[in-house]
Amino acid sequence: MNICVFDSYAIITFFEKEKGFEKVIDILTESASGKLKILINIINWGEIYYIVLREQGIKAAALFEESFKKLPVELVYCDYSLTKRASEFKAFNSLSYADCFAAATASIYKATLVTGDKEFLKLEKEIVIEWL
């Protein structure tokens, strides 16, 4: 089974119906049919939650949380090896620490990272990226 990893950009694109959201819908549909597994790191989930909470308030954050639970996306929790890999990405690249967790998740699970965040351009030789 193929695996992909969403970063916060992909989820925000989906919920806000920004450019590229149709591609996210296609990926979610493929996952719902059992042909693809979608992961998101808990750090990236938390990044989305705090952005929604900060910008739209507690009701919107609660709505995001409930809506997210209905998506065919699995949360990945950080362990030693994932955190170490994220730290290695951070040490040698100018990425946010949260972005490093998305990259580390893709790296460890040998998955494709789905994003539109151009910060990941510098990692194209290390991980597979599907651009929104």
Protein backbone atom coordinates (compact mmCIF):
# COMPACT_ATOMS: atom_id res chain seq x y z
CA MET A 1 0.00 0.00 0.00
CA ASN A 2 1.25 3.46 -0.85
CA ILE A 3 1.62 5.96 1.97
CA CYS A 4 1.53 9.72 1.95
CA VAL A 5 2.06 12.28 4.69
CA PHE A 6 0.13 15.52 4.91
CA ASP A 7 1.79 18.54 6.41
CA SER A 8 -0.26 21.36 7.89
CA TYR A 9 -0.31 23.12 4.50
CA ALA A 10 -2.25 20.26 2.90
CA ILE A 11 -4.90 20.13 5.62
CA ILE A 12 -5.33 23.91 5.73
CA THR A 13 -5.61 23.94 1.92
CA PHE A 14 -8.40 21.37 2.18
CA PHE A 15 -10.40 23.09 4.92
CA GLU A 16 -9.96 26.59 3.49
CA LYS A 17 -10.59 25.41 -0.11
CA GLU A 18 -7.42 27.13 -1.26
CA LYS A 19 -5.60 26.47 -4.52
CA GLY A 20 -4.78 22.76 -4.66
CA PHE A 21 -7.66 21.57 -2.47
CA GLU A 22 -9.03 19.44 -5.32
CA LYS A 23 -5.82 17.40 -5.28
CA VAL A 24 -6.19 16.90 -1.52
CA ILE A 25 -9.77 15.69 -2.10
CA ASP A 26 -8.49 13.22 -4.71
CA ILE A 27 -5.93 11.87 -2.24
CA LEU A 28 -8.53 11.61 0.54
CA THR A 29 -10.88 9.77 -1.85
CA GLU A 30 -8.13 7.34 -2.82
CA SER A 31 -7.44 6.70 0.85
CA ALA A 32 -11.11 6.11 1.64
CA SER A 33 -11.14 3.42 -1.07
CA GLY A 34 -8.30 1.60 0.68
CA LYS A 35 -5.65 2.20 -1.99
CA LEU A 36 -3.63 4.69 0.00
CA LYS A 37 -2.74 5.35 3.62
CA ILE A 38 -2.53 8.98 4.77
CA LEU A 39 -0.57 10.03 7.84
CA ILE A 40 -0.07 13.31 9.66
CA ASN A 41 2.33 13.86 12.51
CA ILE A 42 0.73 14.97 15.78
CA ILE A 43 3.07 18.00 15.78
CA ASN A 44 1.63 19.13 12.43
CA TRP A 45 -1.91 18.47 13.65
CA GLY A 46 -1.15 20.65 16.67
CA GLU A 47 0.19 23.37 14.39
CA ILE A 48 -3.14 23.47 12.53
CA TYR A 49 -5.11 23.44 15.77
CA TYR A 50 -3.23 26.39 17.27
CA ILE A 51 -3.53 28.39 14.03
CA VAL A 52 -7.30 27.86 13.91
CA LEU A 53 -7.61 28.60 17.64
CA ARG A 54 -5.53 31.78 17.38
CA GLU A 55 -7.17 33.11 14.21
CA GLN A 56 -10.78 31.93 14.58
CA GLY A 57 -11.37 31.07 18.23
CA ILE A 58 -12.32 28.08 20.32
CA LYS A 59 -15.53 27.16 18.45
CA ALA A 60 -13.70 26.99 15.12
CA ALA A 61 -10.90 24.95 16.72
CA ALA A 62 -13.44 22.50 18.15
CA LEU A 63 -15.12 22.26 14.74
CA PHE A 64 -11.73 21.57 13.11
CA GLU A 65 -11.03 18.85 15.67
CA GLU A 66 -14.37 17.13 15.04
CA SER A 67 -14.12 17.51 11.25
CA PHE A 68 -10.58 16.14 11.20
CA LYS A 69 -11.68 12.97 13.02
CA LYS A 70 -13.92 12.14 10.04
CA LEU A 71 -11.02 12.20 7.56
CA PRO A 72 -9.21 8.98 6.55
CA VAL A 73 -5.99 10.34 8.05
CA GLU A 74 -4.01 8.61 10.81
CA LEU A 75 -2.12 10.50 13.48
CA VAL A 76 1.53 9.59 13.98
CA TYR A 77 2.89 10.16 17.46
CA CYS A 78 6.51 11.06 18.03
CA ASP A 79 8.93 8.52 19.33
CA TYR A 80 12.69 8.63 19.74
CA SER A 81 13.64 7.77 16.14
CA LEU A 82 11.11 10.15 14.58
CA THR A 83 12.15 13.02 16.86
CA LYS A 84 15.81 12.31 16.14
CA ARG A 85 15.17 12.37 12.37
CA ALA A 86 13.22 15.65 12.68
CA SER A 87 16.10 17.11 14.67
CA GLU A 88 18.55 16.06 11.94
CA PHE A 89 16.43 17.85 9.33
CA LYS A 90 16.31 20.94 11.56
CA ALA A 91 20.06 20.96 12.19
CA PHE A 92 20.95 21.13 8.50
CA ASN A 93 18.01 22.96 6.91
CA SER A 94 16.24 26.24 7.50
CA LEU A 95 12.79 24.71 8.08
CA SER A 96 10.38 25.26 10.94
CA TYR A 97 10.62 22.56 13.57
CA ALA A 98 7.03 21.46 12.79
CA ASP A 99 7.92 21.10 9.10
CA CYS A 100 10.84 18.91 10.11
CA PHE A 101 8.40 16.50 11.75
CA ALA A 102 6.40 16.24 8.52
CA ALA A 103 9.63 15.53 6.62
CA ALA A 104 10.80 13.03 9.23
CA THR A 105 7.47 11.21 9.11
CA ALA A 106 7.71 10.95 5.32
CA SER A 107 11.32 9.78 5.60
CA ILE A 108 10.73 7.10 8.24
CA TYR A 109 7.56 5.75 6.63
CA LYS A 110 9.10 5.94 3.14
CA ALA A 111 6.09 8.02 2.16
CA THR A 112 5.34 10.90 -0.18
CA LEU A 113 4.97 14.27 1.51
CA VAL A 114 1.95 16.22 0.22
CA THR A 115 2.45 19.97 0.55
CA GLY A 116 2.50 23.30 -1.21
CA ASP A 117 4.97 24.82 1.24
CA LYS A 118 7.99 25.93 -0.78
CA GLU A 119 10.23 25.57 2.30
CA PHE A 120 10.36 21.87 1.41
CA LEU A 121 12.08 22.56 -1.92
CA LYS A 122 15.43 22.11 -0.17
CA LEU A 123 14.49 18.53 0.76
CA GLU A 124 13.50 17.27 -2.70
CA LYS A 125 16.66 15.14 -2.86
CA GLU A 126 15.93 13.53 0.51
CA ILE A 127 12.18 12.87 0.44
CA VAL A 128 9.54 12.41 -2.25
CA ILE A 129 7.20 15.41 -2.48
CA GLU A 130 3.86 15.75 -4.21
CA TRP A 131 3.22 19.44 -4.77
CA LEU A 132 -0.19 21.01 -4.41
